């Protein structure tokens, strides 16, 4: 847990499985860190579970990130009303870290 002093506490969840709910209930995503493979594909953050509304979409390039993960800081928090769900396939993302409060 990180305290940013302005918006409350910021939490981190590491996800290695496909279509995982990171946080149930109203929350805001602050950013993500991705480790990618040599296969390109879509990475989504969804509101409401695996079949929910896509709130953030990123297309991985098909280049292995290795020791240099992709860091994406959102210009402002993305609001999730129901659930913050991470959706990807392990063929193109091996692990992601989601920062939220």
C-alpha atoms as a PDB file:
ATOM      1  CA  UNK A   1       0.000   0.000   0.000  1.00  0.00           C
ATOM      2  CA  UNK A   2       1.227   3.477  -0.907  1.00  0.00           C
ATOM      3  CA  UNK A   3      -0.205   6.672   0.539  1.00  0.00           C
ATOM      4  CA  UNK A   4      -0.210   9.543  -1.932  1.00  0.00           C
ATOM      5  CA  UNK A   5      -1.474  12.181   0.499  1.00  0.00           C
ATOM      6  CA  UNK A   6      -4.205  13.513  -1.825  1.00  0.00           C
ATOM      7  CA  UNK A   7      -6.517  10.767  -3.030  1.00  0.00           C
ATOM      8  CA  UNK A   8      -6.132   8.252  -0.200  1.00  0.00           C
ATOM      9  CA  UNK A   9      -4.288   4.986  -0.199  1.00  0.00           C
ATOM     10  CA  UNK A  10      -3.098   3.380  -3.426  1.00  0.00           C
ATOM     11  CA  UNK A  11      -3.057  -0.421  -3.624  1.00  0.00           C
ATOM     12  CA  UNK A  12      -1.352  -2.781  -6.035  1.00  0.00           C
ATOM     13  CA  UNK A  13      -2.484  -6.178  -7.326  1.00  0.00           C
ATOM     14  CA  UNK A  14      -0.303  -8.497  -9.429  1.00  0.00           C
ATOM     15  CA  UNK A  15      -2.330 -10.581 -11.872  1.00  0.00           C
ATOM     16  CA  UNK A  16      -1.070 -13.667 -13.720  1.00  0.00           C
ATOM     17  CA  UNK A  17      -4.411 -15.223 -14.704  1.00  0.00           C
ATOM     18  CA  UNK A  18      -6.880 -14.300 -17.418  1.00  0.00           C
ATOM     19  CA  UNK A  19     -10.103 -12.378 -16.635  1.00  0.00           C
ATOM     20  CA  UNK A  20      -9.521 -11.683 -12.950  1.00  0.00           C
ATOM     21  CA  UNK A  21     -11.470  -9.293 -10.749  1.00  0.00           C
ATOM     22  CA  UNK A  22      -8.867  -7.218  -8.940  1.00  0.00           C
ATOM     23  CA  UNK A  23     -11.278  -5.259  -6.735  1.00  0.00           C
ATOM     24  CA  UNK A  24     -15.016  -5.600  -6.191  1.00  0.00           C
ATOM     25  CA  UNK A  25     -17.024  -2.454  -5.704  1.00  0.00           C
ATOM     26  CA  UNK A  26     -16.434   1.132  -6.700  1.00  0.00           C
ATOM     27  CA  UNK A  27     -12.746   1.887  -7.289  1.00  0.00           C
ATOM     28  CA  UNK A  28     -10.421   3.922  -9.465  1.00  0.00           C
ATOM     29  CA  UNK A  29      -7.518   2.562 -11.518  1.00  0.00           C
ATOM     30  CA  UNK A  30      -4.413   4.749 -11.491  1.00  0.00           C
ATOM     31  CA  UNK A  31      -2.156   2.840 -13.885  1.00  0.00           C
ATOM     32  CA  UNK A  32      -0.743  -0.522 -14.939  1.00  0.00           C
ATOM     33  CA  UNK A  33       2.593  -2.235 -15.499  1.00  0.00           C
ATOM     34  CA  UNK A  34       2.710  -5.045 -18.088  1.00  0.00           C
ATOM     35  CA  UNK A  35       5.206  -7.783 -18.862  1.00  0.00           C
ATOM     36  CA  UNK A  36       4.558  -8.892 -22.424  1.00  0.00           C
ATOM     37  CA  UNK A  37       5.548 -11.789 -24.669  1.00  0.00           C
ATOM     38  CA  UNK A  38       6.428 -12.055 -28.367  1.00  0.00           C
ATOM     39  CA  UNK A  39       2.723 -12.368 -29.258  1.00  0.00           C
ATOM     40  CA  UNK A  40       0.583  -9.265 -29.725  1.00  0.00           C
ATOM     41  CA  UNK A  41      -2.892  -8.976 -28.235  1.00  0.00           C
ATOM     42  CA  UNK A  42      -5.345  -6.865 -26.272  1.00  0.00           C
ATOM     43  CA  UNK A  43      -5.125  -5.898 -22.628  1.00  0.00           C
ATOM     44  CA  UNK A  44      -8.362  -4.575 -21.108  1.00  0.00           C
ATOM     45  CA  UNK A  45      -9.586  -3.139 -17.855  1.00  0.00           C
ATOM     46  CA  UNK A  46     -13.319  -3.811 -17.558  1.00  0.00           C
ATOM     47  CA  UNK A  47     -16.065  -2.588 -15.270  1.00  0.00           C
ATOM     48  CA  UNK A  48     -18.371  -5.396 -14.137  1.00  0.00           C
ATOM     49  CA  UNK A  49     -16.327  -8.559 -14.641  1.00  0.00           C
ATOM     50  CA  UNK A  50     -15.088 -10.449 -17.686  1.00  0.00           C
ATOM     51  CA  UNK A  51     -18.141  -9.545 -19.796  1.00  0.00           C
ATOM     52  CA  UNK A  52     -18.315  -5.965 -18.492  1.00  0.00           C
ATOM     53  CA  UNK A  53     -17.713  -2.608 -20.139  1.00  0.00           C
ATOM     54  CA  UNK A  54     -14.177  -1.971 -21.437  1.00  0.00           C
ATOM     55  CA  UNK A  55     -12.857   1.170 -19.729  1.00  0.00           C
ATOM     56  CA  UNK A  56      -9.231   0.885 -20.907  1.00  0.00           C
ATOM     57  CA  UNK A  57      -7.757  -0.939 -23.896  1.00  0.00           C
ATOM     58  CA  UNK A  58      -4.114  -1.380 -24.840  1.00  0.00           C
ATOM     59  CA  UNK A  59      -2.737  -3.355 -27.795  1.00  0.00           C
ATOM     60  CA  UNK A  60       0.519  -5.114 -26.950  1.00  0.00           C
ATOM     61  CA  UNK A  61       3.145  -4.903 -29.696  1.00  0.00           C
ATOM     62  CA  UNK A  62       4.342  -8.493 -29.834  1.00  0.00           C
ATOM     63  CA  UNK A  63       7.755  -7.578 -28.433  1.00  0.00           C
ATOM     64  CA  UNK A  64       8.925  -9.342 -25.276  1.00  0.00           C
ATOM     65  CA  UNK A  65       9.261  -6.766 -22.501  1.00  0.00           C
ATOM     66  CA  UNK A  66      11.695  -8.891 -20.496  1.00  0.00           C
ATOM     67  CA  UNK A  67      13.391  -6.736 -17.852  1.00  0.00           C
ATOM     68  CA  UNK A  68      11.783  -3.565 -19.224  1.00  0.00           C
ATOM     69  CA  UNK A  69       8.060  -3.758 -18.442  1.00  0.00           C
ATOM     70  CA  UNK A  70       5.559  -1.386 -20.016  1.00  0.00           C
ATOM     71  CA  UNK A  71       4.485   1.286 -17.530  1.00  0.00           C
ATOM     72  CA  UNK A  72       1.205   3.097 -18.235  1.00  0.00           C
ATOM     73  CA  UNK A  73       0.256   5.974 -15.945  1.00  0.00           C
ATOM     74  CA  UNK A  74      -3.249   7.257 -16.598  1.00  0.00           C
ATOM     75  CA  UNK A  75      -3.594  11.055 -16.883  1.00  0.00           C
ATOM     76  CA  UNK A  76      -6.390  10.755 -14.309  1.00  0.00           C
ATOM     77  CA  UNK A  77      -8.004   7.862 -12.443  1.00  0.00           C
ATOM     78  CA  UNK A  78     -10.433   5.641 -14.369  1.00  0.00           C
ATOM     79  CA  UNK A  79     -13.629   5.024 -12.391  1.00  0.00           C
ATOM     80  CA  UNK A  80     -15.021   1.478 -12.097  1.00  0.00           C
ATOM     81  CA  UNK A  81     -18.555   1.434 -10.630  1.00  0.00           C
ATOM     82  CA  UNK A  82     -18.969  -2.334 -10.100  1.00  0.00           C
ATOM     83  CA  UNK A  83     -15.732  -4.350 -10.376  1.00  0.00           C
ATOM     84  CA  UNK A  84     -12.224  -3.668 -11.636  1.00  0.00           C
ATOM     85  CA  UNK A  85     -11.484  -6.647 -13.890  1.00  0.00           C
ATOM     86  CA  UNK A  86      -8.250  -7.314 -15.785  1.00  0.00           C
ATOM     87  CA  UNK A  87      -8.667  -9.153 -19.107  1.00  0.00           C
ATOM     88  CA  UNK A  88      -5.827 -10.533 -21.214  1.00  0.00           C
ATOM     89  CA  UNK A  89      -4.516 -13.858 -22.462  1.00  0.00           C
ATOM     90  CA  UNK A  90      -1.343 -15.333 -21.022  1.00  0.00           C
ATOM     91  CA  UNK A  91      -0.041 -15.811 -24.562  1.00  0.00           C
ATOM     92  CA  UNK A  92       0.680 -12.054 -24.772  1.00  0.00           C
ATOM     93  CA  UNK A  93       0.831 -10.806 -21.146  1.00  0.00           C
ATOM     94  CA  UNK A  94       2.619 -12.848 -18.476  1.00  0.00           C
ATOM     95  CA  UNK A  95       1.879 -10.569 -15.528  1.00  0.00           C
ATOM     96  CA  UNK A  96       0.341  -7.182 -14.908  1.00  0.00           C
ATOM     97  CA  UNK A  97       0.325  -4.931 -11.886  1.00  0.00           C
ATOM     98  CA  UNK A  98      -2.695  -2.700 -11.400  1.00  0.00           C
ATOM     99  CA  UNK A  99      -2.548   0.345  -9.154  1.00  0.00           C
ATOM    100  CA  UNK A 100      -5.899   1.445  -7.719  1.00  0.00           C
ATOM    101  CA  UNK A 101      -7.583   3.232  -4.842  1.00  0.00           C
END
